């Protein structure tokens, strides 16, 4: 599993160009089938639109990349939208741009600009986040060492998800797999060789651009 950048939520953007309306909707997804279902739902809902063009990137390392001009001149809609997704280095996202024709032709260049701008607007409204696979670890520590441990975790940019106070201080930590050994060595150095680090599974965590861990509402629903 690798870290990747995706959307925080569903995004919406409206662009009016020479009386044509371009309505962009962007959504984070997990699988290609989710992308296809989303596209079909919008085609059904917007059945009266002139075009419902789309692009998506799904799967590990953007394994599945598809697009459609949906009747627009070839290369003027779906591919420019996919290029926007790729330039933003986003994965597991789908964008549908619905066009209602306003009676004035835009030309190939105008269509490329309109679909690209609408797509970018929808993605921007969705907000960018990082999804990182991390080990979830629990570290019980004596009170007199908790300050040093906390400072180390913060300075080394480990994520402290929770801190509980009982007879000891217990930190819940998220760590990339490749940094676990380094973390263990840091703890041993502070505690004089004592290590009580408990693994609590592997999770994909969502992090905003400021480094804050976001709640996974979908996970809560599953649980």
Protein backbone atom coordinates (compact mmCIF):
# COMPACT_ATOMS: atom_id res chain seq x y z
CA UNK A 1 0.00 0.00 0.00
CA UNK A 2 1.23 3.49 -0.85
CA UNK A 3 0.24 7.00 0.12
CA UNK A 4 -1.84 8.92 -2.39
CA UNK A 5 -3.65 12.24 -2.78
CA UNK A 6 -7.41 12.33 -3.32
CA UNK A 7 -10.49 14.44 -2.51
CA UNK A 8 -11.88 15.10 0.95
CA UNK A 9 -15.52 15.32 -0.19
CA UNK A 10 -17.75 15.69 -3.21
CA UNK A 11 -17.08 18.92 -5.10
CA UNK A 12 -19.31 21.14 -7.25
CA UNK A 13 -18.52 23.95 -9.70
CA UNK A 14 -20.65 25.88 -12.20
CA UNK A 15 -19.10 27.59 -15.22
CA UNK A 16 -21.06 29.65 -17.72
CA UNK A 17 -19.38 30.20 -21.07
CA UNK A 18 -21.20 31.91 -23.97
CA UNK A 19 -24.55 30.87 -22.54
CA UNK A 20 -23.51 27.22 -22.18
CA UNK A 21 -23.55 25.88 -18.62
CA UNK A 22 -20.83 23.48 -17.53
CA UNK A 23 -21.63 21.79 -14.21
CA UNK A 24 -18.74 19.86 -12.69
CA UNK A 25 -19.19 17.26 -9.97
CA UNK A 26 -16.14 15.56 -8.50
CA UNK A 27 -16.15 12.70 -6.01
CA UNK A 28 -13.62 10.56 -4.12
CA UNK A 29 -13.98 6.85 -4.86
CA UNK A 30 -12.32 3.57 -3.90
CA UNK A 31 -12.93 1.39 -6.96
CA UNK A 32 -13.60 1.67 -10.67
CA UNK A 33 -17.11 0.28 -10.17
CA UNK A 34 -17.88 3.21 -7.84
CA UNK A 35 -16.78 5.61 -10.58
CA UNK A 36 -18.98 3.89 -13.16
CA UNK A 37 -21.99 3.91 -10.81
CA UNK A 38 -21.50 7.62 -10.10
CA UNK A 39 -21.26 8.46 -13.80
CA UNK A 40 -24.40 6.48 -14.58
CA UNK A 41 -26.34 8.09 -11.73
CA UNK A 42 -25.56 11.57 -13.08
CA UNK A 43 -26.41 10.56 -16.64
CA UNK A 44 -29.77 9.39 -15.36
CA UNK A 45 -30.35 12.49 -13.23
CA UNK A 46 -29.18 14.86 -15.99
CA UNK A 47 -30.87 13.06 -18.87
CA UNK A 48 -31.83 16.35 -20.50
CA UNK A 49 -28.23 17.61 -20.71
CA UNK A 50 -26.48 18.01 -24.05
CA UNK A 51 -23.40 16.11 -22.84
CA UNK A 52 -22.24 14.30 -19.69
CA UNK A 53 -18.48 14.03 -20.11
CA UNK A 54 -16.30 12.30 -17.55
CA UNK A 55 -12.83 11.26 -16.46
CA UNK A 56 -11.62 9.16 -13.58
CA UNK A 57 -8.52 7.68 -12.02
CA UNK A 58 -9.05 4.62 -9.83
CA UNK A 59 -7.05 1.88 -8.18
CA UNK A 60 -3.51 1.59 -6.82
CA UNK A 61 -1.11 3.87 -8.72
CA UNK A 62 -4.04 5.03 -10.90
CA UNK A 63 -4.31 1.62 -12.55
CA UNK A 64 -7.64 2.48 -14.18
CA UNK A 65 -7.85 5.75 -16.09
CA UNK A 66 -10.82 6.33 -18.34
CA UNK A 67 -12.54 9.28 -20.00
CA UNK A 68 -15.36 10.09 -22.40
CA UNK A 69 -16.21 13.06 -24.63
CA UNK A 70 -19.86 11.90 -24.74
CA UNK A 71 -20.51 13.35 -28.17
CA UNK A 72 -18.26 16.42 -27.99
CA UNK A 73 -15.53 16.65 -30.67
CA UNK A 74 -12.82 14.08 -29.97
CA UNK A 75 -10.21 15.21 -27.48
CA UNK A 76 -12.05 18.34 -26.32
CA UNK A 77 -13.62 17.16 -23.05
CA UNK A 78 -12.75 13.85 -21.38
CA UNK A 79 -9.02 13.83 -22.08
CA UNK A 80 -8.46 17.45 -20.95
CA UNK A 81 -10.35 16.59 -17.76
CA UNK A 82 -8.13 13.54 -17.16
CA UNK A 83 -5.08 15.73 -17.76
CA UNK A 84 -6.26 18.07 -14.97
CA UNK A 85 -6.62 15.10 -12.59
CA UNK A 86 -3.12 13.85 -13.51
CA UNK A 87 -1.50 17.28 -13.17
CA UNK A 88 -2.97 17.58 -9.68
CA UNK A 89 -1.59 14.08 -8.96
CA UNK A 90 -4.94 12.87 -7.67
CA UNK A 91 -5.99 9.23 -7.40
CA UNK A 92 -9.31 7.55 -6.74
CA UNK A 93 -11.40 10.42 -8.06
CA UNK A 94 -14.12 10.76 -10.70
CA UNK A 95 -15.28 13.98 -12.36
CA UNK A 96 -18.41 14.42 -14.47
CA UNK A 97 -18.97 17.68 -16.33
CA UNK A 98 -22.55 18.15 -17.51
CA UNK A 99 -23.06 20.63 -20.34
CA UNK A 100 -26.24 22.40 -21.31
CA UNK A 101 -25.65 23.94 -24.74
CA UNK A 102 -26.38 27.65 -24.95
CA UNK A 103 -26.64 28.02 -28.72
CA UNK A 104 -23.17 29.44 -29.42
CA UNK A 105 -20.35 27.19 -30.66
CA UNK A 106 -17.14 27.44 -28.62
CA UNK A 107 -14.73 25.76 -31.03
CA UNK A 108 -12.26 23.04 -30.08
CA UNK A 109 -10.00 25.36 -28.10
CA UNK A 110 -12.91 26.89 -26.24
CA UNK A 111 -14.28 23.49 -25.30
CA UNK A 112 -10.91 22.30 -23.98
CA UNK A 113 -10.60 25.42 -21.83
CA UNK A 114 -14.17 25.18 -20.55
CA UNK A 115 -14.03 21.50 -19.61
CA UNK A 116 -10.58 21.90 -18.05
CA UNK A 117 -11.66 24.91 -16.00
CA UNK A 118 -14.88 23.26 -14.85
CA UNK A 119 -13.04 20.08 -13.88
CA UNK A 120 -10.41 22.02 -11.93
CA UNK A 121 -13.15 23.96 -10.14
CA UNK A 122 -14.95 20.80 -9.08
CA UNK A 123 -11.74 19.25 -7.77
CA UNK A 124 -10.81 22.41 -5.89
CA UNK A 125 -14.22 22.52 -4.22
CA UNK A 126 -13.76 18.90 -3.10
CA UNK A 127 -10.56 19.77 -1.24
CA UNK A 128 -7.34 17.75 -1.36
CA UNK A 129 -6.22 15.28 1.30
CA UNK A 130 -3.60 12.58 1.66
CA UNK A 131 -4.48 8.97 2.36
CA UNK A 132 -1.59 7.19 4.08
CA UNK A 133 -1.37 3.53 5.12
CA UNK A 134 -0.01 3.48 8.67
CA UNK A 135 0.54 1.15 11.56
CA UNK A 136 -1.68 1.97 14.53
CA UNK A 137 0.40 1.66 17.70
CA UNK A 138 -0.26 2.13 21.40
CA UNK A 139 2.51 3.24 23.71
CA UNK A 140 1.95 3.17 27.51
CA UNK A 141 4.56 5.28 29.28
CA UNK A 142 5.25 6.53 32.80
CA UNK A 143 4.20 10.10 33.54
CA UNK A 144 7.72 11.41 34.12
CA UNK A 145 8.76 10.31 30.61
CA UNK A 146 5.58 11.30 28.77
CA UNK A 147 6.73 14.85 27.99
CA UNK A 148 9.96 13.66 26.35
CA UNK A 149 8.08 11.01 24.40
CA UNK A 150 5.47 13.51 23.21
CA UNK A 151 8.15 16.00 22.10
CA UNK A 152 9.95 13.26 20.19
CA UNK A 153 6.80 12.12 18.44
CA UNK A 154 5.91 15.65 17.38
CA UNK A 155 9.42 16.61 16.29
CA UNK A 156 9.77 13.43 14.23
CA UNK A 157 6.29 14.04 12.70
CA UNK A 158 4.62 10.90 13.99
CA UNK A 159 0.87 11.33 14.30
CA UNK A 160 -0.56 11.28 17.83
CA UNK A 161 -4.17 10.22 17.34
CA UNK A 162 -5.13 10.06 21.02
CA UNK A 163 -3.71 10.39 24.54
CA UNK A 164 -5.29 8.78 27.61
CA UNK A 165 -4.34 9.27 31.25
CA UNK A 166 -4.74 6.44 33.77
CA UNK A 167 -1.98 5.01 35.95
CA UNK A 168 0.19 5.64 32.90
CA UNK A 169 0.00 7.91 29.85
CA UNK A 170 -0.97 5.97 26.72
CA UNK A 171 -0.28 7.46 23.31
CA UNK A 172 -2.08 6.13 20.24
CA UNK A 173 0.28 6.68 17.34
CA UNK A 174 0.15 6.34 13.57
CA UNK A 175 3.45 5.41 11.95
CA UNK A 176 4.45 4.49 8.39
CA UNK A 177 5.59 0.87 8.33
CA UNK A 178 9.10 1.81 7.25
CA UNK A 179 9.55 4.11 10.29
CA UNK A 180 8.57 1.62 12.98
CA UNK A 181 12.14 0.51 13.70
CA UNK A 182 13.25 4.13 13.99
CA UNK A 183 10.39 4.81 16.41
CA UNK A 184 11.35 1.82 18.53
CA UNK A 185 14.95 3.01 18.75
CA UNK A 186 13.83 6.50 19.79
CA UNK A 187 11.62 5.08 22.54
CA UNK A 188 14.42 2.85 23.85
CA UNK A 189 16.78 5.81 23.97
CA UNK A 190 14.35 7.86 26.07
CA UNK A 191 13.28 5.02 28.38
CA UNK A 192 16.70 3.50 28.90
CA UNK A 193 15.96 0.39 26.87
CA UNK A 194 12.35 -0.25 27.90
CA UNK A 195 9.95 -0.79 25.01
CA UNK A 196 6.23 -1.45 25.39
CA UNK A 197 4.82 -0.75 21.95
CA UNK A 198 1.59 -2.53 21.04
CA UNK A 199 0.41 -2.97 17.45
CA UNK A 200 -3.30 -2.35 16.88
CA UNK A 201 -3.56 -3.08 13.17
CA UNK A 202 -3.09 -1.25 9.90
CA UNK A 203 -5.25 1.68 8.78
CA UNK A 204 -5.55 4.10 5.90
CA UNK A 205 -5.62 7.51 7.57
CA UNK A 206 -6.85 10.71 5.97
CA UNK A 207 -4.73 13.82 6.46
CA UNK A 208 -5.56 17.35 5.35
CA UNK A 209 -3.03 19.74 3.81
CA UNK A 210 -2.23 21.14 7.27
CA UNK A 211 -1.32 17.70 8.62
CA UNK A 212 -4.46 17.13 10.70
CA UNK A 213 -5.92 13.62 10.91
CA UNK A 214 -9.50 13.62 9.67
CA UNK A 215 -12.29 11.45 10.97
CA UNK A 216 -13.28 8.68 8.60
CA UNK A 217 -17.09 8.89 8.66
CA UNK A 218 -17.45 5.97 6.28
CA UNK A 219 -15.45 3.82 8.67
CA UNK A 220 -17.71 4.84 11.56
CA UNK A 221 -20.77 3.76 9.58
CA UNK A 222 -19.22 0.36 8.85
CA UNK A 223 -18.41 -0.17 12.51
